């Protein structure tokens, strides 16, 4: 069994590398998603305590983040 696995790995190194890269991308995506969710929750609590809603804004680099919507729906 182990010999078959070693043989497969030695015959298909590119496939192994691609699979590992996909797994790493999935893990990083989940980490970033969790960070964004925590950020939204934190901003929501801060804004709600002040009586405001939240809105999405973008940086010059097109990064999205959330801030208190102090202006309302203008």
C-alpha atoms as a PDB file:
ATOM      1  CA  UNK A   1       0.000   0.000   0.000  1.00  0.00           C
ATOM      2  CA  UNK A   2       2.704   2.475   1.003  1.00  0.00           C
ATOM      3  CA  UNK A   3       4.760   1.471  -2.038  1.00  0.00           C
ATOM      4  CA  UNK A   4       1.782   2.300  -4.287  1.00  0.00           C
ATOM      5  CA  UNK A   5       1.424   5.713  -2.667  1.00  0.00           C
ATOM      6  CA  UNK A   6       5.148   6.455  -2.999  1.00  0.00           C
ATOM      7  CA  UNK A   7       5.042   5.356  -6.631  1.00  0.00           C
ATOM      8  CA  UNK A   8       2.023   7.584  -7.351  1.00  0.00           C
ATOM      9  CA  UNK A   9       3.673  10.574  -5.694  1.00  0.00           C
ATOM     10  CA  UNK A  10       6.911  10.082  -7.617  1.00  0.00           C
ATOM     11  CA  UNK A  11       5.030   9.679 -10.923  1.00  0.00           C
ATOM     12  CA  UNK A  12       2.649  12.637 -10.411  1.00  0.00           C
ATOM     13  CA  UNK A  13       4.460  15.432  -8.537  1.00  0.00           C
ATOM     14  CA  UNK A  14       2.633  18.181 -10.440  1.00  0.00           C
ATOM     15  CA  UNK A  15      -0.771  16.763  -9.465  1.00  0.00           C
ATOM     16  CA  UNK A  16       0.287  16.672  -5.808  1.00  0.00           C
ATOM     17  CA  UNK A  17       1.528  20.275  -5.971  1.00  0.00           C
ATOM     18  CA  UNK A  18      -1.714  21.457  -7.611  1.00  0.00           C
ATOM     19  CA  UNK A  19      -3.829  19.683  -4.983  1.00  0.00           C
ATOM     20  CA  UNK A  20      -1.796  21.188  -2.154  1.00  0.00           C
ATOM     21  CA  UNK A  21      -2.075  24.659  -3.707  1.00  0.00           C
ATOM     22  CA  UNK A  22      -5.865  24.300  -3.968  1.00  0.00           C
ATOM     23  CA  UNK A  23      -6.101  23.173  -0.347  1.00  0.00           C
ATOM     24  CA  UNK A  24      -3.983  26.146   0.782  1.00  0.00           C
ATOM     25  CA  UNK A  25      -6.171  28.556  -1.208  1.00  0.00           C
ATOM     26  CA  UNK A  26      -9.316  27.108   0.384  1.00  0.00           C
ATOM     27  CA  UNK A  27      -7.832  27.461   3.871  1.00  0.00           C
ATOM     28  CA  UNK A  28      -6.758  31.065   3.227  1.00  0.00           C
ATOM     29  CA  UNK A  29     -10.177  31.896   1.818  1.00  0.00           C
ATOM     30  CA  UNK A  30     -11.845  30.555   4.954  1.00  0.00           C
ATOM     31  CA  UNK A  31      -9.502  32.536   7.195  1.00  0.00           C
ATOM     32  CA  UNK A  32     -10.188  35.770   5.284  1.00  0.00           C
ATOM     33  CA  UNK A  33     -13.924  35.097   5.336  1.00  0.00           C
ATOM     34  CA  UNK A  34     -13.871  34.597   9.103  1.00  0.00           C
ATOM     35  CA  UNK A  35     -11.846  37.785   9.571  1.00  0.00           C
ATOM     36  CA  UNK A  36     -14.338  39.779   7.497  1.00  0.00           C
ATOM     37  CA  UNK A  37     -17.259  38.319   9.433  1.00  0.00           C
ATOM     38  CA  UNK A  38     -15.625  39.291  12.734  1.00  0.00           C
ATOM     39  CA  UNK A  39     -14.951  42.792  11.394  1.00  0.00           C
ATOM     40  CA  UNK A  40     -18.582  43.234  10.322  1.00  0.00           C
ATOM     41  CA  UNK A  41     -19.820  42.005  13.708  1.00  0.00           C
ATOM     42  CA  UNK A  42     -17.468  44.363  15.582  1.00  0.00           C
ATOM     43  CA  UNK A  43     -18.450  47.381  13.474  1.00  0.00           C
ATOM     44  CA  UNK A  44     -22.144  46.495  13.763  1.00  0.00           C
ATOM     45  CA  UNK A  45     -21.946  46.424  17.564  1.00  0.00           C
ATOM     46  CA  UNK A  46     -20.014  49.701  17.734  1.00  0.00           C
ATOM     47  CA  UNK A  47     -22.372  51.473  15.350  1.00  0.00           C
ATOM     48  CA  UNK A  48     -25.515  50.071  16.957  1.00  0.00           C
ATOM     49  CA  UNK A  49     -24.370  51.318  20.356  1.00  0.00           C
ATOM     50  CA  UNK A  50     -24.233  54.809  18.829  1.00  0.00           C
ATOM     51  CA  UNK A  51     -27.560  54.422  17.018  1.00  0.00           C
ATOM     52  CA  UNK A  52     -26.097  54.089  13.505  1.00  0.00           C
ATOM     53  CA  UNK A  53     -26.204  51.437  10.822  1.00  0.00           C
ATOM     54  CA  UNK A  54     -23.226  50.271   8.810  1.00  0.00           C
ATOM     55  CA  UNK A  55     -22.176  50.808   5.204  1.00  0.00           C
ATOM     56  CA  UNK A  56     -19.491  49.395   2.955  1.00  0.00           C
ATOM     57  CA  UNK A  57     -16.717  51.671   1.771  1.00  0.00           C
ATOM     58  CA  UNK A  58     -13.723  51.045  -0.451  1.00  0.00           C
ATOM     59  CA  UNK A  59     -10.087  52.094  -0.262  1.00  0.00           C
ATOM     60  CA  UNK A  60      -8.059  53.360  -3.216  1.00  0.00           C
ATOM     61  CA  UNK A  61      -6.847  49.779  -3.686  1.00  0.00           C
ATOM     62  CA  UNK A  62     -10.500  48.596  -3.948  1.00  0.00           C
ATOM     63  CA  UNK A  63     -10.433  46.862  -0.546  1.00  0.00           C
ATOM     64  CA  UNK A  64     -13.875  46.691   1.020  1.00  0.00           C
ATOM     65  CA  UNK A  65     -14.485  47.500   4.675  1.00  0.00           C
ATOM     66  CA  UNK A  66     -17.380  48.628   6.825  1.00  0.00           C
ATOM     67  CA  UNK A  67     -17.911  51.848   8.774  1.00  0.00           C
ATOM     68  CA  UNK A  68     -20.757  53.507  10.674  1.00  0.00           C
ATOM     69  CA  UNK A  69     -23.369  55.093   8.422  1.00  0.00           C
ATOM     70  CA  UNK A  70     -23.578  58.420  10.250  1.00  0.00           C
ATOM     71  CA  UNK A  71     -25.161  60.173   7.274  1.00  0.00           C
ATOM     72  CA  UNK A  72     -28.115  57.793   7.047  1.00  0.00           C
ATOM     73  CA  UNK A  73     -29.554  56.912   3.641  1.00  0.00           C
ATOM     74  CA  UNK A  74     -28.649  60.002   1.633  1.00  0.00           C
END
